[in-house]
Amino acid sequence: MSPWLGAAVAYGVGRTGFAAHRLVAQQRLGRTLLGLAAQGIADVAWVLFPLAYVSLSLRQRVGALVVPLFLYALVWEIWHYAMTAAAAPPDGPAATDDPLAIAAAEASGWWRALGSLATVAPSLLAGAFLAFDAIAPNEWPFPESAPAFVCEPAVLAPVSRLTLRMPVPHGGELGVFTPSQRYLVVIPFTAGSALPQNRERSFAYRRAQTLDVARTTGTTPDGRSERVFSDTGTYQLVVNPEAGMAASLACSVRYVGP
């Protein structure tokens, strides 16, 4: 377990205990079942956000649902604190001149404020970054992030279909280094591909590209065309920002011939 995940789990355990204590207290005060359920959903969200922040698999499962969940938990928490403050009785120090009573009440208020901040602030920040990432993907560095360039499957046979998943935009040329370290251009760089009228057809703006292993061909530096996947071994696929071999993205697959 990574330190980030361990800290998130520890925080989640503490936050769950705090939420359970608050729900029991509210039930004793006569809160309706609907109100308890609404508070429970918000508490589940506050526990979920830090865990999803540090866990890639959980973040992928939650997906875009994090945006409405974050907005709901935030609005509910603000409304809950506003209603609690409005219903709270006047503080005791206003009715007494005892310096010790006044100091004790002020200290108690500070501790309550710090406790509320400690139980909400980490979840609030984690939820905000998750919602931001759902709206603008790959703009915030999480402790555990998905690789920018994914080649699936990792082991290929002649009948396989290779799927490439890439961030957008990316480089405009797709090349392959064969097991013998020869470089083949599979999708050549096209001048003007970044222009708005050309983006729809441009490789640089494709999120995914599928290659038929048995039929994929590439061009050698001297202009000859040949089949890419022919020798058993490891192939490195690279995405270049322009024509050449200055790879900005790379992934590897292993081809097992017939």
Protein backbone atom coordinates (compact mmCIF):
# COMPACT_ATOMS: atom_id res chain seq x y z
CA MET A 1 0.00 0.00 0.00
CA SER A 2 1.39 3.39 -0.99
CA PRO A 3 1.79 6.15 1.64
CA TRP A 4 -0.85 8.21 -0.19
CA LEU A 5 -3.37 5.37 -0.10
CA GLY A 6 -2.55 4.57 3.53
CA ALA A 7 -3.15 8.19 4.53
CA ALA A 8 -6.43 8.28 2.59
CA VAL A 9 -7.63 5.04 4.22
CA ALA A 10 -6.71 6.33 7.70
CA TYR A 11 -8.54 9.59 7.02
CA GLY A 12 -11.53 7.65 5.67
CA VAL A 13 -11.73 5.53 8.82
CA GLY A 14 -11.63 8.62 11.03
CA ARG A 15 -14.13 10.45 8.82
CA THR A 16 -16.48 7.46 8.92
CA GLY A 17 -16.36 7.42 12.72
CA PHE A 18 -17.12 11.12 12.84
CA ALA A 19 -20.04 10.68 10.41
CA ALA A 20 -21.48 7.76 12.40
CA HIS A 21 -21.29 9.78 15.63
CA ARG A 22 -23.02 12.74 13.98
CA LEU A 23 -25.80 10.58 12.53
CA VAL A 24 -26.49 9.01 15.93
CA ALA A 25 -26.60 12.45 17.55
CA GLN A 26 -28.99 13.76 14.90
CA GLN A 27 -31.23 10.72 15.26
CA ARG A 28 -31.50 11.39 19.01
CA LEU A 29 -32.46 14.97 18.22
CA GLY A 30 -35.39 13.73 16.16
CA ARG A 31 -34.03 14.15 12.63
CA THR A 32 -36.29 12.50 10.03
CA LEU A 33 -35.25 9.39 8.13
CA LEU A 34 -35.02 11.41 4.91
CA GLY A 35 -32.72 13.95 6.56
CA LEU A 36 -30.50 11.17 7.92
CA ALA A 37 -30.32 9.56 4.47
CA ALA A 38 -29.38 12.89 2.85
CA GLN A 39 -26.65 13.42 5.45
CA GLY A 40 -25.44 9.84 4.95
CA ILE A 41 -25.04 10.31 1.18
CA ALA A 42 -22.96 13.45 1.77
CA ASP A 43 -20.79 11.63 4.32
CA VAL A 44 -20.20 8.74 1.90
CA ALA A 45 -19.09 11.28 -0.73
CA TRP A 46 -16.67 12.97 1.69
CA VAL A 47 -15.08 9.57 2.46
CA LEU A 48 -15.01 8.58 -1.22
CA PHE A 49 -13.25 11.68 -2.56
CA PRO A 50 -9.84 11.23 -0.82
CA LEU A 51 -9.81 7.52 -1.70
CA ALA A 52 -10.59 8.23 -5.36
CA TYR A 53 -7.96 10.99 -5.40
CA VAL A 54 -5.16 8.48 -4.67
CA SER A 55 -6.63 5.39 -6.42
CA LEU A 56 -6.68 5.28 -10.22
CA SER A 57 -9.05 2.27 -10.40
CA LEU A 58 -11.59 3.89 -8.05
CA ARG A 59 -11.32 7.19 -9.90
CA GLN A 60 -12.05 5.44 -13.20
CA ARG A 61 -15.07 3.64 -11.70
CA VAL A 62 -16.57 6.86 -10.33
CA GLY A 63 -15.94 8.74 -13.59
CA ALA A 64 -18.05 11.81 -14.35
CA LEU A 65 -20.44 10.95 -11.50
CA VAL A 66 -18.00 12.79 -9.22
CA VAL A 67 -19.23 16.19 -10.48
CA PRO A 68 -22.89 15.97 -9.33
CA LEU A 69 -21.80 14.07 -6.21
CA PHE A 70 -19.36 16.83 -5.27
CA LEU A 71 -21.91 19.58 -5.90
CA TYR A 72 -24.52 17.75 -3.82
CA ALA A 73 -22.15 17.17 -0.87
CA LEU A 74 -20.93 20.78 -0.97
CA VAL A 75 -24.43 22.31 -1.09
CA TRP A 76 -25.68 19.96 1.61
CA GLU A 77 -22.76 20.75 3.94
CA ILE A 78 -23.21 24.51 3.51
CA TRP A 79 -26.97 24.24 4.13
CA HIS A 80 -26.46 21.95 7.14
CA TYR A 81 -24.01 24.33 8.83
CA ALA A 82 -26.25 27.32 8.09
CA MET A 83 -29.27 25.58 9.64
CA THR A 84 -27.23 24.39 12.63
CA ALA A 85 -25.91 27.89 13.28
CA ALA A 86 -29.40 29.40 13.00
CA ALA A 87 -30.86 26.87 15.44
CA ALA A 88 -28.03 27.08 17.98
CA PRO A 89 -28.92 28.73 21.32
CA PRO A 90 -27.07 31.89 22.39
CA ASP A 91 -23.63 31.30 23.87
CA GLY A 92 -23.33 31.29 27.60
CA PRO A 93 -20.59 33.95 27.94
CA ALA A 94 -23.03 36.67 26.94
CA ALA A 95 -25.01 35.97 30.12
CA THR A 96 -22.05 35.84 32.48
CA ASP A 97 -19.06 37.93 33.48
CA ASP A 98 -16.96 34.94 34.60
CA PRO A 99 -13.63 35.20 32.71
CA LEU A 100 -13.04 31.43 32.98
CA ALA A 101 -16.45 30.63 31.49
CA ILE A 102 -15.88 33.08 28.65
CA ALA A 103 -12.42 31.63 27.90
CA ALA A 104 -13.72 28.05 28.03
CA ALA A 105 -16.56 28.86 25.63
CA GLU A 106 -14.21 30.61 23.19
CA ALA A 107 -11.76 27.67 23.29
CA SER A 108 -14.62 25.24 22.72
CA GLY A 109 -15.73 27.26 19.70
CA TRP A 110 -12.24 27.22 18.22
CA TRP A 111 -11.93 23.46 18.73
CA ARG A 112 -15.28 22.86 17.07
CA ALA A 113 -14.24 24.99 14.12
CA LEU A 114 -10.90 23.17 13.77
CA GLY A 115 -12.64 19.81 14.06
CA SER A 116 -15.09 20.73 11.32
CA LEU A 117 -12.23 21.97 9.12
CA ALA A 118 -10.24 18.76 9.64
CA THR A 119 -13.20 16.55 8.73
CA VAL A 120 -14.29 18.51 5.66
CA ALA A 121 -11.30 20.35 4.14
CA PRO A 122 -9.31 17.29 2.84
CA SER A 123 -12.45 15.81 1.28
CA LEU A 124 -13.49 19.19 -0.09
CA LEU A 125 -10.12 19.72 -1.82
CA ALA A 126 -9.99 16.13 -3.13
CA GLY A 127 -13.53 16.40 -4.48
CA ALA A 128 -12.78 19.73 -6.16
CA PHE A 129 -9.74 18.32 -7.97
CA LEU A 130 -11.68 15.20 -9.01
CA ALA A 131 -14.52 17.32 -10.41
CA PHE A 132 -12.00 19.53 -12.23
CA ASP A 133 -10.35 16.44 -13.75
CA ALA A 134 -13.73 15.12 -14.90
CA ILE A 135 -14.37 18.40 -16.72
CA ALA A 136 -10.78 18.98 -17.97
CA PRO A 137 -9.04 15.56 -18.09
CA ASN A 138 -5.28 15.18 -17.60
CA GLU A 139 -4.78 18.74 -16.35
CA TRP A 140 -4.03 17.83 -12.72
CA PRO A 141 -1.26 15.40 -11.57
CA PHE A 142 -2.75 12.75 -9.28
CA PRO A 143 -0.54 10.47 -7.14
CA GLU A 144 -1.57 7.53 -9.36
CA SER A 145 -2.34 8.43 -12.96
CA ALA A 146 -3.05 6.39 -16.06
CA PRO A 147 -0.26 6.17 -18.65
CA ALA A 148 -0.62 8.81 -21.33
CA PHE A 149 -0.17 6.27 -24.15
CA VAL A 150 -1.71 2.80 -23.82
CA CYS A 151 -1.26 -0.11 -26.23
CA GLU A 152 -3.68 -3.02 -25.78
CA PRO A 153 -3.21 -5.96 -25.77
CA ALA A 154 0.41 -6.15 -24.65
CA VAL A 155 0.98 -9.51 -26.42
CA LEU A 156 0.03 -9.79 -30.09
CA ALA A 157 -0.64 -12.66 -32.44
CA PRO A 158 -1.06 -12.44 -36.24
CA VAL A 159 -4.87 -12.35 -35.81
CA SER A 160 -4.78 -9.62 -33.14
CA ARG A 161 -6.03 -6.07 -33.41
CA LEU A 162 -3.89 -3.51 -31.58
CA THR A 163 -5.66 -0.52 -30.01
CA LEU A 164 -3.77 2.65 -29.16
CA ARG A 165 -5.27 5.13 -26.68
CA MET A 166 -3.75 8.62 -26.57
CA PRO A 167 -4.36 12.04 -25.00
CA VAL A 168 -5.64 14.76 -27.32
CA PRO A 169 -3.94 16.52 -28.96
CA HIS A 170 -0.77 14.48 -29.46
CA GLY A 171 1.95 14.17 -32.08
CA GLY A 172 1.03 13.83 -35.72
CA GLU A 173 3.21 10.86 -36.69
CA LEU A 174 2.98 7.22 -35.57
CA GLY A 175 6.12 5.13 -35.89
CA VAL A 176 7.38 1.73 -34.77
CA PHE A 177 10.81 0.46 -33.72
CA THR A 178 11.04 -3.21 -34.68
CA PRO A 179 12.95 -5.83 -32.62
CA SER A 180 15.94 -5.19 -34.90
CA GLN A 181 15.69 -1.45 -34.10
CA ARG A 182 14.59 -0.45 -37.58
CA TYR A 183 12.21 2.50 -37.68
CA LEU A 184 9.02 2.32 -39.73
CA VAL A 185 6.51 5.13 -40.22
CA VAL A 186 2.95 3.78 -39.91
CA ILE A 187 1.06 7.10 -40.06
CA PRO A 188 3.15 9.93 -41.53
CA PHE A 189 3.11 13.49 -40.28
CA THR A 190 0.89 15.75 -42.41
CA ALA A 191 1.59 19.47 -42.71
CA GLY A 192 -1.37 21.62 -41.68
CA SER A 193 -3.01 18.81 -39.71
CA ALA A 194 -3.45 21.12 -36.70
CA LEU A 195 -5.57 23.60 -38.65
CA PRO A 196 -9.22 23.67 -37.45
CA GLN A 197 -10.59 22.50 -40.82
CA ASN A 198 -8.27 19.47 -40.81
CA ARG A 199 -8.54 18.37 -37.17
CA GLU A 200 -11.44 15.96 -37.69
CA ARG A 201 -9.36 13.83 -40.08
CA SER A 202 -6.00 14.39 -38.39
CA PHE A 203 -4.23 11.60 -36.50
CA ALA A 204 -3.02 14.20 -33.97
CA TYR A 205 -6.60 14.61 -32.69
CA ARG A 206 -7.59 10.94 -32.49
CA ARG A 207 -8.10 9.52 -29.03
CA ALA A 208 -7.82 5.94 -30.29
CA GLN A 209 -6.31 4.16 -33.26
CA THR A 210 -6.79 0.49 -34.14
CA LEU A 211 -4.23 -1.47 -36.16
CA ASP A 212 -4.78 -4.85 -37.79
CA VAL A 213 -1.58 -6.71 -36.89
CA ALA A 214 -1.60 -8.90 -40.00
CA ARG A 215 -2.11 -5.98 -42.40
CA THR A 216 -0.27 -3.03 -40.83
CA THR A 217 2.53 -1.74 -43.01
CA GLY A 218 5.15 0.95 -42.49
CA THR A 219 7.57 2.98 -44.56
CA THR A 220 11.33 2.79 -44.07
CA PRO A 221 13.49 5.96 -44.11
CA ASP A 222 14.40 5.24 -47.73
CA GLY A 223 10.74 5.02 -48.78
CA ARG A 224 10.20 1.25 -48.97
CA SER A 225 6.93 -0.18 -47.66
CA GLU A 226 6.94 -3.40 -45.64
CA ARG A 227 4.87 -5.31 -43.11
CA VAL A 228 5.44 -4.02 -39.55
CA PHE A 229 4.80 -7.08 -37.41
CA SER A 230 6.87 -9.83 -38.97
CA ASP A 231 9.57 -10.88 -36.47
CA THR A 232 8.86 -12.27 -33.01
CA GLY A 233 9.98 -9.83 -30.33
CA THR A 234 9.27 -6.48 -28.70
CA TYR A 235 8.00 -3.55 -30.76
CA GLN A 236 8.02 0.03 -29.49
CA LEU A 237 5.32 2.29 -30.86
CA VAL A 238 6.06 6.01 -30.71
CA VAL A 239 4.10 9.17 -31.40
CA ASN A 240 6.22 12.01 -32.73
CA PRO A 241 5.29 15.69 -32.60
CA GLU A 242 6.47 16.05 -36.20
CA ALA A 243 8.20 14.06 -38.91
CA GLY A 244 11.24 12.35 -37.42
CA MET A 245 12.07 10.26 -34.37
CA ALA A 246 11.67 12.69 -31.42
CA ALA A 247 9.05 10.59 -29.64
CA SER A 248 6.70 12.36 -27.24
CA LEU A 249 4.72 9.20 -26.38
CA ALA A 250 5.85 5.58 -26.39
CA CYS A 251 4.57 2.12 -25.45
CA SER A 252 5.76 -1.43 -26.07
CA VAL A 253 4.08 -4.64 -27.19
CA ARG A 254 5.37 -8.16 -27.81
CA TYR A 255 4.58 -9.93 -31.05
CA VAL A 256 4.47 -13.72 -31.09
CA GLY A 257 4.65 -14.94 -34.68
CA PRO A 258 2.98 -18.01 -36.11
